[in-house]
Amino acid sequence: MLAYSDKQWQSFWALTDTPEVAQEPRYKSLATRTQHIDSLYAQAGAAIRSGTTVGWLAALREVEIPCGPINTFNDLKVDPHLTQLNFFSQFKHPNEGILEIIDSGLRINREKLGLRRHQPKLGEHSESVLSEAGMSSTEIEVAFATTD
């Protein structure tokens, strides 16, 4: 819940059946709410805990207070939108077995970017990366010899 304006806070406290809280000197304006932000959020949090997420989302949206659920990882795994997007997928790592990975969200020509390499062990790809960067095999040997 992200009440910000005086009107939104008045609406919020009305939803909690405590409209008088909006008139308390420490919560009456943006300036005073900011000075007392810890107690404001503690009191608002206590009020929110008295209901359900579904109930609060409906009520807050009705009075035009920005809001959204706080999801756990398990919530996201069953989210209809993310499921439709195939946001989670599995990848077989050579040492770690099956890993669950998330989609990067990036697309080229409307196609997902595939996973090209697994997460390497420290130094696992150093030689190939240095080679791709233009270092000769002799330069790479010298670089590794000086780091031992």
N, C-alpha and C. Protein backbone atom coordinates (compact mmCIF):
# COMPACT_ATOMS: atom_id res chain seq x y z
N MET A 1 0.85 -1.16 0.00
CA MET A 1 0.00 0.00 0.00
C MET A 1 0.89 1.22 0.00
N LEU A 2 0.59 2.16 -0.89
CA LEU A 2 1.43 3.35 -0.97
C LEU A 2 0.57 4.61 -0.97
N ALA A 3 -0.09 4.82 0.16
CA ALA A 3 -0.83 6.08 0.31
C ALA A 3 0.20 7.20 0.38
N TYR A 4 -0.09 8.32 -0.30
CA TYR A 4 0.86 9.41 -0.31
C TYR A 4 0.17 10.74 0.03
N SER A 5 -0.88 11.04 -0.69
CA SER A 5 -1.54 12.34 -0.52
C SER A 5 -2.42 12.35 0.73
N ASP A 6 -2.80 13.55 1.14
CA ASP A 6 -3.70 13.69 2.28
C ASP A 6 -4.99 12.91 2.01
N LYS A 7 -5.52 13.05 0.80
CA LYS A 7 -6.77 12.37 0.44
C LYS A 7 -6.62 10.85 0.55
N GLN A 8 -5.50 10.32 0.06
CA GLN A 8 -5.28 8.88 0.14
C GLN A 8 -5.20 8.41 1.59
N TRP A 9 -4.49 9.15 2.43
CA TRP A 9 -4.39 8.75 3.83
C TRP A 9 -5.75 8.84 4.52
N GLN A 10 -6.52 9.87 4.21
CA GLN A 10 -7.86 9.98 4.79
C GLN A 10 -8.71 8.78 4.37
N SER A 11 -8.60 8.39 3.10
CA SER A 11 -9.35 7.23 2.60
C SER A 11 -8.88 5.96 3.29
N PHE A 12 -7.57 5.83 3.47
CA PHE A 12 -7.04 4.64 4.12
C PHE A 12 -7.59 4.52 5.54
N TRP A 13 -7.49 5.60 6.32
CA TRP A 13 -7.95 5.52 7.71
C TRP A 13 -9.45 5.30 7.77
N ALA A 14 -10.19 5.81 6.80
CA ALA A 14 -11.63 5.54 6.74
C ALA A 14 -11.88 4.05 6.51
N LEU A 15 -11.06 3.41 5.67
CA LEU A 15 -11.19 1.97 5.43
C LEU A 15 -10.94 1.16 6.70
N THR A 16 -10.12 1.69 7.59
CA THR A 16 -9.80 0.97 8.83
C THR A 16 -10.79 1.30 9.94
N ASP A 17 -11.82 2.06 9.61
CA ASP A 17 -12.83 2.50 10.59
C ASP A 17 -12.22 3.36 11.69
N THR A 18 -11.12 4.05 11.36
CA THR A 18 -10.51 4.99 12.30
C THR A 18 -10.20 6.31 11.58
N PRO A 19 -11.25 6.97 11.02
CA PRO A 19 -10.99 8.20 10.26
C PRO A 19 -10.36 9.31 11.10
N GLU A 20 -10.51 9.23 12.42
CA GLU A 20 -9.93 10.26 13.30
C GLU A 20 -8.40 10.26 13.26
N VAL A 21 -7.79 9.14 12.88
CA VAL A 21 -6.32 9.07 12.81
C VAL A 21 -5.80 10.08 11.79
N ALA A 22 -6.54 10.29 10.70
CA ALA A 22 -6.11 11.24 9.67
C ALA A 22 -6.06 12.67 10.21
N GLN A 23 -6.76 12.93 11.28
CA GLN A 23 -6.79 14.29 11.85
C GLN A 23 -5.76 14.49 12.97
N GLU A 24 -5.08 13.42 13.36
CA GLU A 24 -4.03 13.58 14.38
C GLU A 24 -2.97 14.53 13.84
N PRO A 25 -2.49 15.44 14.67
CA PRO A 25 -1.50 16.42 14.21
C PRO A 25 -0.28 15.79 13.54
N ARG A 26 0.18 14.66 14.03
CA ARG A 26 1.39 14.04 13.46
C ARG A 26 1.14 13.38 12.10
N TYR A 27 -0.12 13.18 11.72
CA TYR A 27 -0.43 12.53 10.43
C TYR A 27 -1.24 13.42 9.49
N LYS A 28 -1.49 14.64 9.86
CA LYS A 28 -2.43 15.49 9.11
C LYS A 28 -1.87 15.98 7.78
N SER A 29 -0.57 16.15 7.66
CA SER A 29 0.01 16.67 6.41
C SER A 29 1.22 15.83 6.01
N LEU A 30 1.64 16.04 4.78
CA LEU A 30 2.82 15.32 4.29
C LEU A 30 4.03 15.61 5.18
N ALA A 31 4.21 16.86 5.55
CA ALA A 31 5.37 17.24 6.36
C ALA A 31 5.35 16.53 7.72
N THR A 32 4.20 16.51 8.37
CA THR A 32 4.14 15.88 9.70
C THR A 32 4.17 14.36 9.59
N ARG A 33 3.57 13.79 8.52
CA ARG A 33 3.65 12.35 8.32
C ARG A 33 5.09 11.92 8.12
N THR A 34 5.84 12.71 7.38
CA THR A 34 7.25 12.41 7.14
C THR A 34 8.04 12.42 8.44
N GLN A 35 7.75 13.36 9.31
CA GLN A 35 8.45 13.44 10.60
C GLN A 35 8.12 12.25 11.49
N HIS A 36 6.96 11.64 11.28
CA HIS A 36 6.50 10.54 12.13
C HIS A 36 6.29 9.27 11.30
N ILE A 37 7.13 9.08 10.29
CA ILE A 37 6.93 7.99 9.34
C ILE A 37 6.96 6.61 10.00
N ASP A 38 7.84 6.42 10.98
CA ASP A 38 7.93 5.10 11.63
C ASP A 38 6.63 4.74 12.35
N SER A 39 6.09 5.68 13.10
CA SER A 39 4.84 5.38 13.82
C SER A 39 3.67 5.30 12.84
N LEU A 40 3.70 6.10 11.78
CA LEU A 40 2.65 6.04 10.76
C LEU A 40 2.60 4.66 10.14
N TYR A 41 3.75 4.16 9.70
CA TYR A 41 3.78 2.84 9.06
C TYR A 41 3.50 1.72 10.05
N ALA A 42 3.91 1.88 11.28
CA ALA A 42 3.60 0.86 12.29
C ALA A 42 2.10 0.78 12.50
N GLN A 43 1.45 1.93 12.60
CA GLN A 43 0.00 1.94 12.81
C GLN A 43 -0.73 1.44 11.56
N ALA A 44 -0.28 1.84 10.39
CA ALA A 44 -0.91 1.38 9.14
C ALA A 44 -0.69 -0.12 8.97
N GLY A 45 0.51 -0.60 9.29
CA GLY A 45 0.81 -2.02 9.18
C GLY A 45 -0.06 -2.85 10.10
N ALA A 46 -0.26 -2.37 11.31
CA ALA A 46 -1.12 -3.09 12.25
C ALA A 46 -2.54 -3.17 11.71
N ALA A 47 -3.00 -2.09 11.10
CA ALA A 47 -4.36 -2.09 10.53
C ALA A 47 -4.45 -3.07 9.36
N ILE A 48 -3.44 -3.09 8.52
CA ILE A 48 -3.47 -3.97 7.35
C ILE A 48 -3.43 -5.44 7.75
N ARG A 49 -2.71 -5.75 8.81
CA ARG A 49 -2.63 -7.14 9.27
C ARG A 49 -3.99 -7.68 9.72
N SER A 50 -4.94 -6.78 9.92
CA SER A 50 -6.26 -7.22 10.39
C SER A 50 -7.12 -7.80 9.27
N GLY A 51 -6.67 -7.67 8.03
CA GLY A 51 -7.47 -8.19 6.91
C GLY A 51 -6.65 -9.11 6.03
N THR A 52 -7.27 -9.50 4.93
CA THR A 52 -6.58 -10.38 3.98
C THR A 52 -5.99 -9.55 2.84
N THR A 53 -5.02 -10.12 2.17
CA THR A 53 -4.42 -9.45 1.01
C THR A 53 -5.48 -9.16 -0.04
N VAL A 54 -6.28 -10.14 -0.36
CA VAL A 54 -7.32 -9.97 -1.39
C VAL A 54 -8.29 -8.86 -1.00
N GLY A 55 -8.71 -8.88 0.26
CA GLY A 55 -9.63 -7.85 0.74
C GLY A 55 -9.05 -6.46 0.68
N TRP A 56 -7.80 -6.34 1.14
CA TRP A 56 -7.16 -5.03 1.11
C TRP A 56 -6.92 -4.53 -0.31
N LEU A 57 -6.49 -5.41 -1.18
CA LEU A 57 -6.25 -4.97 -2.56
C LEU A 57 -7.52 -4.42 -3.18
N ALA A 58 -8.63 -5.10 -2.99
CA ALA A 58 -9.90 -4.64 -3.54
C ALA A 58 -10.29 -3.29 -2.93
N ALA A 59 -10.19 -3.18 -1.61
CA ALA A 59 -10.59 -1.94 -0.94
C ALA A 59 -9.70 -0.77 -1.32
N LEU A 60 -8.39 -1.00 -1.36
CA LEU A 60 -7.46 0.08 -1.69
C LEU A 60 -7.61 0.53 -3.14
N ARG A 61 -7.83 -0.41 -4.03
CA ARG A 61 -8.03 -0.04 -5.44
C ARG A 61 -9.32 0.78 -5.60
N GLU A 62 -10.33 0.42 -4.83
CA GLU A 62 -11.61 1.13 -4.88
C GLU A 62 -11.44 2.61 -4.55
N VAL A 63 -10.55 2.92 -3.60
CA VAL A 63 -10.34 4.32 -3.21
C VAL A 63 -9.09 4.92 -3.87
N GLU A 64 -8.58 4.23 -4.88
CA GLU A 64 -7.47 4.72 -5.71
C GLU A 64 -6.18 4.96 -4.93
N ILE A 65 -5.85 4.00 -4.07
CA ILE A 65 -4.56 4.02 -3.37
C ILE A 65 -3.69 2.97 -4.05
N PRO A 66 -2.52 3.36 -4.56
CA PRO A 66 -1.64 2.38 -5.21
C PRO A 66 -1.32 1.23 -4.25
N CYS A 67 -1.38 0.02 -4.78
CA CYS A 67 -1.14 -1.14 -3.93
C CYS A 67 -0.81 -2.35 -4.78
N GLY A 68 -0.28 -3.34 -4.14
CA GLY A 68 0.01 -4.60 -4.79
C GLY A 68 0.42 -5.61 -3.75
N PRO A 69 0.31 -6.88 -4.09
CA PRO A 69 0.67 -7.91 -3.12
C PRO A 69 2.19 -8.03 -2.99
N ILE A 70 2.63 -8.51 -1.85
CA ILE A 70 4.03 -8.87 -1.68
C ILE A 70 4.09 -10.37 -1.90
N ASN A 71 4.77 -10.77 -2.95
CA ASN A 71 4.81 -12.17 -3.34
C ASN A 71 6.02 -12.90 -2.79
N THR A 72 5.82 -14.15 -2.48
CA THR A 72 6.93 -15.03 -2.18
C THR A 72 7.38 -15.65 -3.50
N PHE A 73 8.52 -16.31 -3.48
CA PHE A 73 8.99 -16.99 -4.68
C PHE A 73 7.96 -18.02 -5.14
N ASN A 74 7.37 -18.74 -4.20
CA ASN A 74 6.36 -19.73 -4.56
C ASN A 74 5.12 -19.09 -5.18
N ASP A 75 4.75 -17.88 -4.72
CA ASP A 75 3.63 -17.16 -5.33
C ASP A 75 3.94 -16.86 -6.80
N LEU A 76 5.17 -16.43 -7.06
CA LEU A 76 5.54 -16.08 -8.43
C LEU A 76 5.54 -17.29 -9.34
N LYS A 77 5.90 -18.44 -8.80
CA LYS A 77 5.95 -19.65 -9.62
C LYS A 77 4.58 -20.08 -10.11
N VAL A 78 3.51 -19.67 -9.44
CA VAL A 78 2.16 -20.03 -9.87
C VAL A 78 1.38 -18.81 -10.40
N ASP A 79 2.06 -17.69 -10.56
CA ASP A 79 1.41 -16.50 -11.10
C ASP A 79 0.96 -16.77 -12.53
N PRO A 80 -0.31 -16.55 -12.86
CA PRO A 80 -0.81 -16.87 -14.20
C PRO A 80 -0.06 -16.15 -15.32
N HIS A 81 0.26 -14.88 -15.11
CA HIS A 81 0.95 -14.12 -16.15
C HIS A 81 2.36 -14.68 -16.39
N LEU A 82 3.10 -14.92 -15.31
CA LEU A 82 4.45 -15.44 -15.46
C LEU A 82 4.44 -16.85 -16.04
N THR A 83 3.43 -17.62 -15.67
CA THR A 83 3.29 -18.97 -16.23
C THR A 83 3.05 -18.89 -17.73
N GLN A 84 2.18 -17.99 -18.15
CA GLN A 84 1.89 -17.83 -19.57
C GLN A 84 3.15 -17.42 -20.35
N LEU A 85 3.99 -16.63 -19.73
CA LEU A 85 5.23 -16.17 -20.38
C LEU A 85 6.35 -17.21 -20.33
N ASN A 86 6.12 -18.33 -19.64
CA ASN A 86 7.18 -19.32 -19.40
C ASN A 86 8.40 -18.64 -18.78
N PHE A 87 8.13 -17.85 -17.75
CA PHE A 87 9.16 -17.05 -17.11
C PHE A 87 10.20 -17.91 -16.40
N PHE A 88 9.78 -19.03 -15.88
CA PHE A 88 10.69 -19.94 -15.19
C PHE A 88 10.96 -21.14 -16.09
N SER A 89 12.20 -21.55 -16.15
CA SER A 89 12.53 -22.74 -16.92
C SER A 89 13.64 -23.49 -16.20
N GLN A 90 13.91 -24.69 -16.68
CA GLN A 90 14.94 -25.51 -16.06
C GLN A 90 16.16 -25.58 -16.97
N PHE A 91 17.30 -25.69 -16.34
CA PHE A 91 18.57 -25.77 -17.05
C PHE A 91 19.42 -26.82 -16.37
N LYS A 92 20.01 -27.70 -17.18
CA LYS A 92 20.87 -28.73 -16.59
C LYS A 92 22.30 -28.22 -16.53
N HIS A 93 22.75 -27.99 -15.31
CA HIS A 93 24.12 -27.55 -15.06
C HIS A 93 24.99 -28.81 -14.98
N PRO A 94 26.19 -28.77 -15.57
CA PRO A 94 27.02 -29.98 -15.58
C PRO A 94 27.45 -30.48 -14.20
N ASN A 95 27.54 -29.60 -13.22
CA ASN A 95 27.97 -30.02 -11.89
C ASN A 95 26.85 -29.95 -10.85
N GLU A 96 25.94 -29.02 -11.01
CA GLU A 96 24.93 -28.76 -9.99
C GLU A 96 23.61 -29.46 -10.24
N GLY A 97 23.45 -30.08 -11.40
CA GLY A 97 22.19 -30.75 -11.72
C GLY A 97 21.17 -29.78 -12.30
N ILE A 98 19.90 -30.04 -12.08
CA ILE A 98 18.84 -29.21 -12.63
C ILE A 98 18.69 -27.95 -11.80
N LEU A 99 18.78 -26.80 -12.48
CA LEU A 99 18.59 -25.50 -11.85
C LEU A 99 17.37 -24.84 -12.45
N GLU A 100 16.66 -24.08 -11.63
CA GLU A 100 15.54 -23.31 -12.15
C GLU A 100 16.06 -21.90 -12.42
N ILE A 101 15.81 -21.42 -13.62
CA ILE A 101 16.29 -20.10 -14.00
C ILE A 101 15.11 -19.23 -14.42
N ILE A 102 15.32 -17.92 -14.38
CA ILE A 102 14.26 -16.99 -14.78
C ILE A 102 14.60 -16.39 -16.13
N ASP A 103 13.57 -15.99 -16.83
CA ASP A 103 13.72 -15.37 -18.14
C ASP A 103 14.34 -13.98 -17.97
N SER A 104 15.21 -13.61 -18.87
CA SER A 104 15.85 -12.30 -18.79
C SER A 104 14.88 -11.18 -19.15
N GLY A 105 13.83 -11.51 -19.88
CA GLY A 105 12.89 -10.49 -20.33
C GLY A 105 13.30 -9.83 -21.63
N LEU A 106 14.52 -10.08 -22.06
CA LEU A 106 15.01 -9.48 -23.31
C LEU A 106 14.59 -10.35 -24.49
N ARG A 107 14.29 -9.68 -25.61
CA ARG A 107 13.90 -10.39 -26.83
C ARG A 107 14.65 -9.79 -28.02
N ILE A 108 15.03 -10.66 -28.94
CA ILE A 108 15.59 -10.22 -30.22
C ILE A 108 14.70 -10.84 -31.28
N ASN A 109 14.13 -10.01 -32.12
CA ASN A 109 13.16 -10.47 -33.12
C ASN A 109 12.05 -11.29 -32.46
N ARG A 110 11.62 -10.81 -31.29
CA ARG A 110 10.53 -11.45 -30.51
C ARG A 110 10.88 -12.83 -29.97
N GLU A 111 12.15 -13.19 -30.00
CA GLU A 111 12.59 -14.49 -29.50
C GLU A 111 13.35 -14.30 -28.19
N LYS A 112 13.12 -15.24 -27.26
CA LYS A 112 13.85 -15.22 -26.00
C LYS A 112 15.34 -15.43 -26.25
N LEU A 113 16.13 -14.90 -25.38
CA LEU A 113 17.56 -15.17 -25.43
C LEU A 113 17.82 -16.49 -24.72
N GLY A 114 18.43 -17.39 -25.40
CA GLY A 114 18.73 -18.68 -24.79
C GLY A 114 19.91 -18.57 -23.84
N LEU A 115 20.01 -19.52 -22.97
CA LEU A 115 21.14 -19.58 -22.06
C LEU A 115 22.29 -20.25 -22.80
N ARG A 116 23.38 -19.49 -23.01
CA ARG A 116 24.50 -20.02 -23.79
C ARG A 116 25.50 -20.78 -22.95
N ARG A 117 25.69 -20.34 -21.73
CA ARG A 117 26.68 -20.97 -20.86
C ARG A 117 26.12 -21.09 -19.46
N HIS A 118 26.54 -22.11 -18.78
CA HIS A 118 26.16 -22.25 -17.38
C HIS A 118 27.01 -21.31 -16.53
N GLN A 119 26.63 -21.18 -15.26
CA GLN A 119 27.42 -20.38 -14.34
C GLN A 119 28.74 -21.11 -14.12
N PRO A 120 29.84 -20.47 -14.47
CA PRO A 120 31.13 -21.19 -14.40
C PRO A 120 31.70 -21.23 -12.99
N LYS A 121 32.57 -22.20 -12.80
CA LYS A 121 33.40 -22.20 -11.60
C LYS A 121 34.43 -21.09 -11.78
N LEU A 122 35.03 -20.66 -10.72
CA LEU A 122 36.02 -19.60 -10.78
C LEU A 122 37.14 -19.98 -11.76
N GLY A 123 37.32 -19.18 -12.79
CA GLY A 123 38.38 -19.40 -13.77
C GLY A 123 38.08 -20.42 -14.84
N GLU A 124 36.89 -21.02 -14.80
CA GLU A 124 36.58 -22.10 -15.74
C GLU A 124 36.66 -21.67 -17.20
N HIS A 125 36.29 -20.46 -17.52
CA HIS A 125 36.29 -20.00 -18.90
C HIS A 125 37.35 -18.95 -19.18
N SER A 126 38.27 -18.78 -18.28
CA SER A 126 39.26 -17.70 -18.43
C SER A 126 40.02 -17.77 -19.74
N GLU A 127 40.51 -18.96 -20.09
CA GLU A 127 41.31 -19.07 -21.31
C GLU A 127 40.47 -18.75 -22.55
N SER A 128 39.27 -19.27 -22.64
CA SER A 128 38.45 -19.01 -23.83
C SER A 128 38.04 -17.54 -23.90
N VAL A 129 37.77 -16.92 -22.76
CA VAL A 129 37.39 -15.50 -22.75
C VAL A 129 38.57 -14.64 -23.19
N LEU A 130 39.75 -14.93 -22.67
CA LEU A 130 40.93 -14.16 -23.06
C LEU A 130 41.26 -14.36 -24.54
N SER A 131 41.06 -15.57 -25.01
CA SER A 131 41.28 -15.85 -26.43
C SER A 131 40.30 -15.07 -27.30
N GLU A 132 39.03 -15.08 -26.90
CA GLU A 132 38.01 -14.31 -27.64
C GLU A 132 38.30 -12.82 -27.60
N ALA A 133 38.97 -12.37 -26.54
CA ALA A 133 39.32 -10.96 -26.42
C ALA A 133 40.54 -10.59 -27.25
N GLY A 134 41.16 -11.61 -27.90
CA GLY A 134 42.26 -11.32 -28.80
C GLY A 134 43.64 -11.67 -28.29
N MET A 135 43.73 -12.24 -27.11
CA MET A 135 45.05 -12.62 -26.60
C MET A 135 45.51 -13.91 -27.27
N SER A 136 46.78 -13.96 -27.57
CA SER A 136 47.35 -15.18 -28.16
C SER A 136 47.53 -16.23 -27.07
N SER A 137 47.73 -17.48 -27.49
CA SER A 137 47.94 -18.55 -26.51
C SER A 137 49.20 -18.30 -25.69
N THR A 138 50.22 -17.69 -26.30
CA THR A 138 51.45 -17.38 -25.57
C THR A 138 51.17 -16.32 -24.52
N GLU A 139 50.42 -15.28 -24.88
CA GLU A 139 50.07 -14.23 -23.91
C GLU A 139 49.25 -14.78 -22.75
N ILE A 140 48.35 -15.71 -23.06
CA ILE A 140 47.52 -16.32 -22.02
C ILE A 140 48.40 -17.15 -21.09
N GLU A 141 49.34 -17.92 -21.67
CA GLU A 141 50.24 -18.72 -20.84
C GLU A 141 51.05 -17.83 -19.91
N VAL A 142 51.54 -16.70 -20.43
CA VAL A 142 52.33 -15.78 -19.62
C VAL A 142 51.46 -15.17 -18.52
N ALA A 143 50.21 -14.81 -18.87
CA ALA A 143 49.31 -14.22 -17.88
C ALA A 143 49.04 -15.20 -16.73
N PHE A 144 48.83 -16.46 -17.06
CA PHE A 144 48.57 -17.46 -16.02
C PHE A 144 49.83 -17.78 -15.24
N ALA A 145 50.96 -17.73 -15.87
CA ALA A 145 52.23 -18.04 -15.18
C ALA A 145 52.53 -16.98 -14.14
N THR A 146 52.18 -15.73 -14.40
CA THR A 146 52.48 -14.65 -13.46
C THR A 146 51.49 -14.57 -12.33
N THR A 147 50.36 -15.30 -12.41
CA THR A 147 49.38 -15.24 -11.33
C THR A 147 49.56 -16.34 -10.31
N ASP A 148 50.40 -17.32 -10.60
CA ASP A 148 50.59 -18.45 -9.66
C ASP A 148 51.43 -18.06 -8.47
